[in-house]
Amino acid sequence: MAPMLRLMLLRHAKSAWPAGAADHERPLAPRGREAAPLMGRYLAGEHLVPDLAVVSTAKRTQETWALVAPAFAEEVPKRDERRIYEAKTDAILAAIRSTGPDVRTLLVIGHNPGFADLATRLAGHGDRYAFARLRQKYPTAGLAVIDFDVASWADVAEHGGRLDRFVTPKMIGGEDED
């Protein structure tokens, strides 16, 4: 059996809509500033520690990562990835497939609708209750964890993963947003 790869898709935390700000420059809202560290503590507490974080270049995703990262005992390398900002599923998948062999657990922080589409496209089986929640809504700071029995990120295929869990801030004591 091939070694397992774990993909964690974390949607950015709730963002603000300041007047005149370009979409790429939107910061986190106060609720987002509460949800992001909550999700970081969840990840660390569940031993879901990435070998690499791939983060959209948008301000709200960068701020989400800045509030998630301190929860980990050791510094996690980060790669900023412009191509996942406002990206369709195929562009996000291309970024994932370009990940090197030294990364076994990958955290990607990005946006909807690409994340919801990608998670449902990649997970072919798994926890049925998690699937139901995922299909209903992928709120801000929502986290999908998908495992693949493949040796290389280049081999990650549609419906080839197992949805291990889908967690939202509300499930762990916070509030869900869009």
N, C-alpha and C. Protein backbone atom coordinates (compact mmCIF):
# COMPACT_ATOMS: atom_id res chain seq x y z
N MET A 1 0.84 -1.18 0.00
CA MET A 1 0.00 0.00 0.00
C MET A 1 0.89 1.25 0.00
N ALA A 2 0.51 2.21 -0.78
CA ALA A 2 1.26 3.47 -0.89
C ALA A 2 1.13 4.27 0.40
N PRO A 3 2.11 5.09 0.70
CA PRO A 3 2.00 5.94 1.88
C PRO A 3 0.85 6.93 1.73
N MET A 4 0.24 7.27 2.85
CA MET A 4 -0.92 8.17 2.81
C MET A 4 -0.48 9.63 2.78
N LEU A 5 -1.21 10.39 1.98
CA LEU A 5 -1.07 11.84 1.96
C LEU A 5 -2.34 12.44 2.56
N ARG A 6 -2.18 13.50 3.31
CA ARG A 6 -3.33 14.16 3.94
C ARG A 6 -3.41 15.60 3.44
N LEU A 7 -4.59 15.96 2.92
CA LEU A 7 -4.86 17.30 2.43
C LEU A 7 -5.86 17.96 3.37
N MET A 8 -5.53 19.16 3.82
CA MET A 8 -6.43 19.93 4.68
C MET A 8 -6.78 21.22 3.96
N LEU A 9 -8.05 21.40 3.67
CA LEU A 9 -8.53 22.60 2.98
C LEU A 9 -9.22 23.50 3.99
N LEU A 10 -8.60 24.61 4.33
CA LEU A 10 -9.16 25.56 5.29
C LEU A 10 -9.59 26.82 4.54
N ARG A 11 -10.88 27.08 4.56
CA ARG A 11 -11.37 28.32 3.96
C ARG A 11 -10.96 29.47 4.88
N HIS A 12 -10.61 30.61 4.30
CA HIS A 12 -10.23 31.77 5.12
C HIS A 12 -11.34 32.10 6.11
N ALA A 13 -10.96 32.73 7.21
CA ALA A 13 -11.93 33.16 8.22
C ALA A 13 -12.74 34.34 7.69
N LYS A 14 -13.80 34.67 8.41
CA LYS A 14 -14.74 35.73 7.99
C LYS A 14 -14.00 37.04 7.72
N SER A 15 -14.27 37.61 6.56
CA SER A 15 -13.60 38.86 6.18
C SER A 15 -14.55 40.04 6.23
N ALA A 16 -13.95 41.20 6.29
CA ALA A 16 -14.70 42.46 6.30
C ALA A 16 -14.83 42.96 4.86
N TRP A 17 -15.72 43.94 4.67
CA TRP A 17 -15.94 44.56 3.37
C TRP A 17 -15.74 46.07 3.49
N PRO A 18 -14.51 46.52 3.78
CA PRO A 18 -14.31 47.97 3.93
C PRO A 18 -14.57 48.72 2.62
N ALA A 19 -15.18 49.87 2.74
CA ALA A 19 -15.50 50.69 1.57
C ALA A 19 -14.23 51.00 0.78
N GLY A 20 -14.31 50.79 -0.52
CA GLY A 20 -13.21 51.14 -1.41
C GLY A 20 -12.08 50.12 -1.47
N ALA A 21 -12.11 49.09 -0.64
CA ALA A 21 -11.03 48.10 -0.65
C ALA A 21 -11.23 47.11 -1.80
N ALA A 22 -10.16 46.84 -2.51
CA ALA A 22 -10.20 45.81 -3.55
C ALA A 22 -10.41 44.46 -2.88
N ASP A 23 -11.05 43.53 -3.57
CA ASP A 23 -11.34 42.22 -2.99
C ASP A 23 -10.08 41.55 -2.44
N HIS A 24 -8.99 41.62 -3.17
CA HIS A 24 -7.73 41.00 -2.75
C HIS A 24 -7.22 41.57 -1.43
N GLU A 25 -7.60 42.80 -1.12
CA GLU A 25 -7.09 43.50 0.08
C GLU A 25 -8.04 43.46 1.27
N ARG A 26 -9.14 42.72 1.18
CA ARG A 26 -10.09 42.67 2.30
C ARG A 26 -9.47 41.98 3.51
N PRO A 27 -9.54 42.63 4.68
CA PRO A 27 -8.99 42.04 5.90
C PRO A 27 -10.01 41.14 6.59
N LEU A 28 -9.59 40.49 7.65
CA LEU A 28 -10.52 39.71 8.45
C LEU A 28 -11.43 40.62 9.26
N ALA A 29 -12.64 40.17 9.47
CA ALA A 29 -13.60 40.83 10.36
C ALA A 29 -13.31 40.37 11.79
N PRO A 30 -13.87 41.05 12.79
CA PRO A 30 -13.65 40.61 14.18
C PRO A 30 -13.99 39.13 14.41
N ARG A 31 -15.08 38.65 13.85
CA ARG A 31 -15.41 37.22 14.02
C ARG A 31 -14.37 36.32 13.37
N GLY A 32 -13.81 36.77 12.28
CA GLY A 32 -12.75 36.00 11.64
C GLY A 32 -11.51 35.95 12.51
N ARG A 33 -11.22 37.05 13.19
CA ARG A 33 -10.07 37.09 14.10
C ARG A 33 -10.26 36.18 15.30
N GLU A 34 -11.50 35.85 15.62
CA GLU A 34 -11.79 34.89 16.69
C GLU A 34 -11.75 33.45 16.15
N ALA A 35 -12.28 33.24 14.97
CA ALA A 35 -12.39 31.88 14.42
C ALA A 35 -11.04 31.30 14.00
N ALA A 36 -10.17 32.11 13.43
CA ALA A 36 -8.90 31.58 12.91
C ALA A 36 -8.04 30.94 14.00
N PRO A 37 -7.79 31.61 15.14
CA PRO A 37 -7.00 30.93 16.17
C PRO A 37 -7.71 29.72 16.77
N LEU A 38 -9.03 29.76 16.81
CA LEU A 38 -9.80 28.61 17.28
C LEU A 38 -9.52 27.40 16.38
N MET A 39 -9.53 27.62 15.07
CA MET A 39 -9.24 26.52 14.14
C MET A 39 -7.79 26.08 14.26
N GLY A 40 -6.88 27.01 14.51
CA GLY A 40 -5.49 26.64 14.73
C GLY A 40 -5.33 25.74 15.95
N ARG A 41 -6.00 26.09 17.04
CA ARG A 41 -5.94 25.26 18.24
C ARG A 41 -6.56 23.88 17.98
N TYR A 42 -7.63 23.85 17.20
CA TYR A 42 -8.24 22.57 16.84
C TYR A 42 -7.23 21.71 16.06
N LEU A 43 -6.62 22.28 15.04
CA LEU A 43 -5.65 21.54 14.24
C LEU A 43 -4.53 20.98 15.11
N ALA A 44 -3.95 21.82 15.95
CA ALA A 44 -2.85 21.38 16.81
C ALA A 44 -3.33 20.32 17.81
N GLY A 45 -4.49 20.54 18.40
CA GLY A 45 -5.02 19.61 19.38
C GLY A 45 -5.35 18.24 18.80
N GLU A 46 -5.70 18.21 17.53
CA GLU A 46 -6.01 16.95 16.84
C GLU A 46 -4.77 16.37 16.13
N HIS A 47 -3.61 16.97 16.37
CA HIS A 47 -2.35 16.53 15.74
C HIS A 47 -2.43 16.59 14.22
N LEU A 48 -3.15 17.58 13.72
CA LEU A 48 -3.26 17.83 12.28
C LEU A 48 -2.27 18.94 11.93
N VAL A 49 -1.00 18.59 11.99
CA VAL A 49 0.07 19.56 11.78
C VAL A 49 0.60 19.41 10.36
N PRO A 50 0.52 20.47 9.57
CA PRO A 50 0.99 20.36 8.19
C PRO A 50 2.51 20.40 8.07
N ASP A 51 3.00 19.77 7.02
CA ASP A 51 4.41 19.90 6.66
C ASP A 51 4.64 21.18 5.87
N LEU A 52 3.56 21.68 5.25
CA LEU A 52 3.61 22.89 4.44
C LEU A 52 2.23 23.52 4.43
N ALA A 53 2.19 24.84 4.49
CA ALA A 53 0.95 25.60 4.30
C ALA A 53 1.06 26.35 2.98
N VAL A 54 0.10 26.14 2.10
CA VAL A 54 0.01 26.88 0.85
C VAL A 54 -1.13 27.86 1.02
N VAL A 55 -0.82 29.15 0.90
CA VAL A 55 -1.77 30.19 1.27
C VAL A 55 -1.99 31.15 0.10
N SER A 56 -3.24 31.40 -0.21
CA SER A 56 -3.59 32.41 -1.21
C SER A 56 -2.94 33.74 -0.82
N THR A 57 -2.65 34.55 -1.81
CA THR A 57 -2.02 35.84 -1.53
C THR A 57 -2.99 36.91 -1.04
N ALA A 58 -4.28 36.62 -1.02
CA ALA A 58 -5.27 37.60 -0.54
C ALA A 58 -5.02 37.92 0.93
N LYS A 59 -5.28 39.16 1.30
CA LYS A 59 -5.02 39.62 2.67
C LYS A 59 -5.75 38.76 3.70
N ARG A 60 -7.01 38.39 3.44
CA ARG A 60 -7.79 37.62 4.42
C ARG A 60 -7.23 36.22 4.63
N THR A 61 -6.64 35.61 3.61
CA THR A 61 -6.04 34.29 3.80
C THR A 61 -4.70 34.40 4.52
N GLN A 62 -3.95 35.44 4.19
CA GLN A 62 -2.68 35.68 4.88
C GLN A 62 -2.91 35.94 6.37
N GLU A 63 -3.95 36.72 6.68
CA GLU A 63 -4.28 37.00 8.09
C GLU A 63 -4.79 35.74 8.78
N THR A 64 -5.55 34.92 8.07
CA THR A 64 -6.02 33.66 8.65
C THR A 64 -4.82 32.80 9.05
N TRP A 65 -3.86 32.65 8.13
CA TRP A 65 -2.67 31.85 8.43
C TRP A 65 -1.90 32.45 9.61
N ALA A 66 -1.75 33.75 9.65
CA ALA A 66 -1.01 34.40 10.74
C ALA A 66 -1.64 34.11 12.10
N LEU A 67 -2.95 33.87 12.13
CA LEU A 67 -3.63 33.57 13.39
C LEU A 67 -3.73 32.06 13.67
N VAL A 68 -3.59 31.23 12.66
CA VAL A 68 -3.60 29.77 12.82
C VAL A 68 -2.21 29.27 13.22
N ALA A 69 -1.17 29.77 12.58
CA ALA A 69 0.19 29.26 12.71
C ALA A 69 0.73 29.21 14.15
N PRO A 70 0.45 30.19 15.00
CA PRO A 70 1.00 30.13 16.36
C PRO A 70 0.54 28.93 17.19
N ALA A 71 -0.50 28.25 16.77
CA ALA A 71 -0.99 27.08 17.52
C ALA A 71 -0.05 25.89 17.40
N PHE A 72 0.78 25.86 16.37
CA PHE A 72 1.68 24.73 16.16
C PHE A 72 2.96 24.90 16.98
N ALA A 73 3.45 23.79 17.55
CA ALA A 73 4.63 23.83 18.40
C ALA A 73 5.88 24.26 17.62
N GLU A 74 5.95 23.86 16.37
CA GLU A 74 7.09 24.22 15.53
C GLU A 74 6.62 25.05 14.35
N GLU A 75 7.52 25.86 13.82
CA GLU A 75 7.17 26.69 12.67
C GLU A 75 6.90 25.81 11.45
N VAL A 76 5.81 26.11 10.77
CA VAL A 76 5.41 25.38 9.56
C VAL A 76 5.81 26.23 8.35
N PRO A 77 6.54 25.66 7.39
CA PRO A 77 6.87 26.41 6.18
C PRO A 77 5.61 26.84 5.44
N LYS A 78 5.68 28.01 4.81
CA LYS A 78 4.53 28.56 4.09
C LYS A 78 4.94 28.93 2.68
N ARG A 79 4.04 28.63 1.73
CA ARG A 79 4.25 29.05 0.34
C ARG A 79 3.06 29.89 -0.07
N ASP A 80 3.30 31.13 -0.45
CA ASP A 80 2.23 31.99 -0.95
C ASP A 80 1.93 31.59 -2.39
N GLU A 81 0.64 31.48 -2.70
CA GLU A 81 0.24 30.97 -4.01
C GLU A 81 -0.85 31.84 -4.61
N ARG A 82 -0.45 32.73 -5.52
CA ARG A 82 -1.41 33.63 -6.16
C ARG A 82 -2.46 32.88 -6.97
N ARG A 83 -2.09 31.76 -7.58
CA ARG A 83 -3.02 31.09 -8.48
C ARG A 83 -4.23 30.47 -7.78
N ILE A 84 -4.24 30.41 -6.44
CA ILE A 84 -5.44 29.90 -5.78
C ILE A 84 -6.39 31.01 -5.34
N TYR A 85 -6.01 32.27 -5.57
CA TYR A 85 -6.92 33.38 -5.28
C TYR A 85 -7.99 33.41 -6.37
N GLU A 86 -9.25 33.39 -5.97
CA GLU A 86 -10.39 33.38 -6.89
C GLU A 86 -10.30 32.27 -7.93
N ALA A 87 -9.68 31.16 -7.54
CA ALA A 87 -9.41 30.10 -8.50
C ALA A 87 -10.55 29.11 -8.63
N LYS A 88 -10.64 28.57 -9.79
CA LYS A 88 -11.53 27.44 -10.05
C LYS A 88 -10.85 26.18 -9.51
N THR A 89 -11.61 25.13 -9.42
CA THR A 89 -11.14 23.87 -8.86
C THR A 89 -9.85 23.38 -9.52
N ASP A 90 -9.78 23.43 -10.84
CA ASP A 90 -8.61 22.91 -11.55
C ASP A 90 -7.33 23.65 -11.19
N ALA A 91 -7.40 24.95 -10.97
CA ALA A 91 -6.21 25.72 -10.61
C ALA A 91 -5.74 25.36 -9.20
N ILE A 92 -6.68 25.17 -8.29
CA ILE A 92 -6.30 24.78 -6.92
C ILE A 92 -5.69 23.38 -6.95
N LEU A 93 -6.30 22.49 -7.70
CA LEU A 93 -5.79 21.13 -7.81
C LEU A 93 -4.38 21.12 -8.43
N ALA A 94 -4.13 21.98 -9.39
CA ALA A 94 -2.79 22.07 -9.99
C ALA A 94 -1.76 22.50 -8.95
N ALA A 95 -2.12 23.44 -8.09
CA ALA A 95 -1.22 23.88 -7.02
C ALA A 95 -0.93 22.73 -6.06
N ILE A 96 -1.95 21.96 -5.74
CA ILE A 96 -1.79 20.80 -4.84
C ILE A 96 -0.89 19.76 -5.50
N ARG A 97 -1.15 19.45 -6.75
CA ARG A 97 -0.38 18.42 -7.46
C ARG A 97 1.08 18.80 -7.66
N SER A 98 1.41 20.08 -7.56
CA SER A 98 2.80 20.52 -7.72
C SER A 98 3.60 20.42 -6.43
N THR A 99 2.98 19.94 -5.36
CA THR A 99 3.65 19.83 -4.07
C THR A 99 4.70 18.73 -4.11
N GLY A 100 5.82 18.98 -3.47
CA GLY A 100 6.95 18.05 -3.48
C GLY A 100 6.75 16.82 -2.63
N PRO A 101 7.62 15.82 -2.82
CA PRO A 101 7.48 14.53 -2.14
C PRO A 101 7.78 14.56 -0.64
N ASP A 102 8.44 15.60 -0.16
CA ASP A 102 8.74 15.69 1.26
C ASP A 102 7.53 16.09 2.10
N VAL A 103 6.47 16.53 1.46
CA VAL A 103 5.25 16.97 2.15
C VAL A 103 4.26 15.82 2.19
N ARG A 104 3.92 15.38 3.40
CA ARG A 104 2.93 14.31 3.57
C ARG A 104 1.58 14.87 4.00
N THR A 105 1.61 15.98 4.72
CA THR A 105 0.38 16.65 5.17
C THR A 105 0.43 18.08 4.68
N LEU A 106 -0.54 18.45 3.86
CA LEU A 106 -0.58 19.75 3.21
C LEU A 106 -1.81 20.52 3.66
N LEU A 107 -1.60 21.75 4.11
CA LEU A 107 -2.69 22.66 4.45
C LEU A 107 -2.77 23.71 3.35
N VAL A 108 -3.96 23.88 2.78
CA VAL A 108 -4.18 24.92 1.78
C VAL A 108 -5.23 25.86 2.34
N ILE A 109 -4.92 27.15 2.36
CA ILE A 109 -5.87 28.16 2.84
C ILE A 109 -6.29 29.00 1.64
N GLY A 110 -7.60 28.97 1.35
CA GLY A 110 -8.10 29.65 0.18
C GLY A 110 -9.55 30.05 0.30
N HIS A 111 -10.27 29.95 -0.81
CA HIS A 111 -11.56 30.61 -0.96
C HIS A 111 -12.64 29.68 -1.52
N ASN A 112 -13.87 30.10 -1.34
CA ASN A 112 -15.02 29.48 -2.00
C ASN A 112 -15.35 30.30 -3.24
N PRO A 113 -16.00 29.73 -4.24
CA PRO A 113 -16.60 28.40 -4.28
C PRO A 113 -15.62 27.28 -4.61
N GLY A 114 -14.38 27.64 -4.93
CA GLY A 114 -13.40 26.63 -5.33
C GLY A 114 -13.18 25.53 -4.31
N PHE A 115 -13.15 25.90 -3.02
CA PHE A 115 -12.87 24.90 -1.98
C PHE A 115 -14.01 23.90 -1.84
N ALA A 116 -15.24 24.37 -1.81
CA ALA A 116 -16.37 23.45 -1.68
C ALA A 116 -16.41 22.50 -2.87
N ASP A 117 -16.21 23.05 -4.05
CA ASP A 117 -16.21 22.22 -5.26
C ASP A 117 -15.07 21.20 -5.23
N LEU A 118 -13.88 21.65 -4.83
CA LEU A 118 -12.73 20.76 -4.81
C LEU A 118 -12.90 19.65 -3.78
N ALA A 119 -13.35 19.99 -2.59
CA ALA A 119 -13.52 18.97 -1.54
C ALA A 119 -14.49 17.88 -1.98
N THR A 120 -15.62 18.28 -2.56
CA THR A 120 -16.59 17.27 -2.99
C THR A 120 -16.09 16.49 -4.21
N ARG A 121 -15.27 17.12 -5.01
CA ARG A 121 -14.72 16.45 -6.20
C ARG A 121 -13.63 15.44 -5.82
N LEU A 122 -12.83 15.75 -4.81
CA LEU A 122 -11.72 14.87 -4.44
C LEU A 122 -12.14 13.72 -3.53
N ALA A 123 -13.09 13.96 -2.64
CA ALA A 123 -13.48 12.94 -1.67
C ALA A 123 -14.48 11.97 -2.29
N GLY A 124 -14.04 10.76 -2.53
CA GLY A 124 -14.92 9.76 -3.11
C GLY A 124 -15.69 8.97 -2.08
N HIS A 125 -15.19 8.94 -0.86
CA HIS A 125 -15.85 8.22 0.21
C HIS A 125 -15.41 8.84 1.54
N GLY A 126 -15.95 8.33 2.63
CA GLY A 126 -15.60 8.84 3.94
C GLY A 126 -16.81 8.97 4.84
N ASP A 127 -16.65 9.75 5.88
CA ASP A 127 -17.68 9.95 6.89
C ASP A 127 -18.93 10.57 6.27
N ARG A 128 -20.04 9.84 6.31
CA ARG A 128 -21.25 10.33 5.62
C ARG A 128 -21.83 11.58 6.26
N TYR A 129 -21.67 11.72 7.57
CA TYR A 129 -22.17 12.93 8.24
C TYR A 129 -21.32 14.14 7.86
N ALA A 130 -20.02 13.92 7.73
CA ALA A 130 -19.14 14.99 7.28
C ALA A 130 -19.49 15.39 5.85
N PHE A 131 -19.78 14.41 5.00
CA PHE A 131 -20.20 14.71 3.62
C PHE A 131 -21.46 15.56 3.61
N ALA A 132 -22.42 15.19 4.45
CA ALA A 132 -23.69 15.94 4.49
C ALA A 132 -23.45 17.39 4.89
N ARG A 133 -22.61 17.61 5.89
CA ARG A 133 -22.30 18.99 6.32
C ARG A 133 -21.57 19.75 5.22
N LEU A 134 -20.62 19.08 4.59
CA LEU A 134 -19.83 19.70 3.52
C LEU A 134 -20.72 20.12 2.36
N ARG A 135 -21.63 19.28 1.98
CA ARG A 135 -22.50 19.59 0.84
C ARG A 135 -23.52 20.68 1.18
N GLN A 136 -23.88 20.78 2.46
CA GLN A 136 -24.85 21.78 2.87
C GLN A 136 -24.24 23.18 2.83
N LYS A 137 -23.03 23.33 3.37
CA LYS A 137 -22.40 24.65 3.44
C LYS A 137 -20.93 24.50 3.81
N TYR A 138 -20.07 25.29 3.16
CA TYR A 138 -18.65 25.34 3.50
C TYR A 138 -18.39 26.74 4.04
N PRO A 139 -18.66 26.96 5.33
CA PRO A 139 -18.58 28.32 5.87
C PRO A 139 -17.13 28.81 5.98
N THR A 140 -16.98 30.09 6.22
CA THR A 140 -15.65 30.63 6.45
C THR A 140 -15.03 29.89 7.64
N ALA A 141 -13.73 29.66 7.55
CA ALA A 141 -12.94 28.90 8.53
C ALA A 141 -13.35 27.44 8.61
N GLY A 142 -14.13 26.96 7.63
CA GLY A 142 -14.45 25.53 7.55
C GLY A 142 -13.23 24.75 7.10
N LEU A 143 -13.11 23.54 7.62
CA LEU A 143 -11.94 22.69 7.36
C LEU A 143 -12.36 21.32 6.87
N ALA A 144 -11.89 20.94 5.69
CA ALA A 144 -12.08 19.59 5.17
C ALA A 144 -10.73 18.88 5.22
N VAL A 145 -10.73 17.66 5.77
CA VAL A 145 -9.51 16.85 5.84
C VAL A 145 -9.76 15.62 4.97
N ILE A 146 -8.93 15.47 3.94
CA ILE A 146 -9.11 14.40 2.95
C ILE A 146 -7.81 13.61 2.86
N ASP A 147 -7.91 12.29 3.01
CA ASP A 147 -6.75 11.41 2.94
C ASP A 147 -6.71 10.68 1.60
N PHE A 148 -5.49 10.48 1.10
CA PHE A 148 -5.27 9.81 -0.18
C PHE A 148 -4.25 8.69 0.00
N ASP A 149 -4.54 7.52 -0.53
CA ASP A 149 -3.61 6.40 -0.51
C ASP A 149 -2.79 6.41 -1.80
N VAL A 150 -2.00 7.45 -1.95
CA VAL A 150 -1.11 7.60 -3.11
C VAL A 150 0.26 8.04 -2.60
N ALA A 151 1.28 7.81 -3.41
CA ALA A 151 2.64 8.15 -3.01
C ALA A 151 3.03 9.57 -3.36
N SER A 152 2.34 10.17 -4.33
CA SER A 152 2.73 11.49 -4.83
C SER A 152 1.51 12.39 -4.96
N TRP A 153 1.71 13.67 -4.68
CA TRP A 153 0.63 14.64 -4.84
C TRP A 153 0.18 14.71 -6.30
N ALA A 154 1.07 14.41 -7.21
CA ALA A 154 0.71 14.42 -8.63
C ALA A 154 -0.34 13.36 -8.95
N ASP A 155 -0.46 12.35 -8.07
CA ASP A 155 -1.42 11.26 -8.28
C ASP A 155 -2.77 11.48 -7.61
N VAL A 156 -2.94 12.61 -6.96
CA VAL A 156 -4.23 12.92 -6.33
C VAL A 156 -5.28 13.02 -7.44
N ALA A 157 -6.33 12.21 -7.30
CA ALA A 157 -7.32 12.10 -8.38
C ALA A 157 -8.73 12.39 -7.88
N GLU A 158 -9.57 12.78 -8.82
CA GLU A 158 -10.98 13.03 -8.53
C GLU A 158 -11.61 11.78 -7.92
N HIS A 159 -12.32 11.97 -6.83
CA HIS A 159 -13.00 10.90 -6.07
C HIS A 159 -12.03 9.87 -5.52
N GLY A 160 -10.73 10.21 -5.47
CA GLY A 160 -9.73 9.28 -4.97
C GLY A 160 -9.43 9.39 -3.50
N GLY A 161 -10.02 10.38 -2.83
CA GLY A 161 -9.73 10.59 -1.42
C GLY A 161 -10.84 10.12 -0.51
N ARG A 162 -10.50 10.06 0.78
CA ARG A 162 -11.47 9.72 1.82
C ARG A 162 -11.63 10.93 2.73
N LEU A 163 -12.86 11.43 2.83
CA LEU A 163 -13.14 12.57 3.70
C LEU A 163 -13.06 12.09 5.15
N ASP A 164 -12.01 12.49 5.84
CA ASP A 164 -11.81 12.10 7.23
C ASP A 164 -12.74 12.89 8.15
N ARG A 165 -12.87 14.19 7.86
CA ARG A 165 -13.74 15.05 8.68
C ARG A 165 -13.99 16.36 7.97
N PHE A 166 -15.06 17.01 8.39
CA PHE A 166 -15.36 18.37 7.98
C PHE A 166 -15.78 19.11 9.24
N VAL A 167 -14.99 20.11 9.60
CA VAL A 167 -15.17 20.81 10.87
C VAL A 167 -15.39 22.29 10.61
N THR A 168 -16.33 22.86 11.34
CA THR A 168 -16.59 24.29 11.26
C THR A 168 -16.36 24.92 12.63
N PRO A 169 -16.13 26.22 12.69
CA PRO A 169 -15.93 26.86 13.99
C PRO A 169 -17.07 26.59 14.97
N LYS A 170 -18.29 26.58 14.48
CA LYS A 170 -19.44 26.35 15.36
C LYS A 170 -19.38 24.99 16.05
N MET A 171 -18.84 24.00 15.38
CA MET A 171 -18.74 22.65 15.95
C MET A 171 -17.78 22.59 17.13
N ILE A 172 -16.85 23.55 17.20
CA ILE A 172 -15.84 23.51 18.26
C ILE A 172 -15.91 24.75 19.16
N GLY A 173 -17.07 25.36 19.22
CA GLY A 173 -17.28 26.44 20.18
C GLY A 173 -17.27 27.84 19.62
N GLY A 174 -17.10 27.99 18.32
CA GLY A 174 -17.12 29.32 17.71
C GLY A 174 -18.43 29.56 16.98
N GLU A 175 -18.40 30.52 16.07
CA GLU A 175 -19.58 30.84 15.26
C GLU A 175 -19.26 30.65 13.79
N ASP A 176 -20.20 30.06 13.06
CA ASP A 176 -20.06 29.92 11.61
C ASP A 176 -20.52 31.20 10.93
N GLU A 177 -19.90 31.49 9.82
CA GLU A 177 -20.31 32.59 8.97
C GLU A 177 -20.46 32.04 7.56
N ASP A 178 -20.69 32.94 6.59
CA ASP A 178 -20.85 32.51 5.20
C ASP A 178 -19.73 31.59 4.79
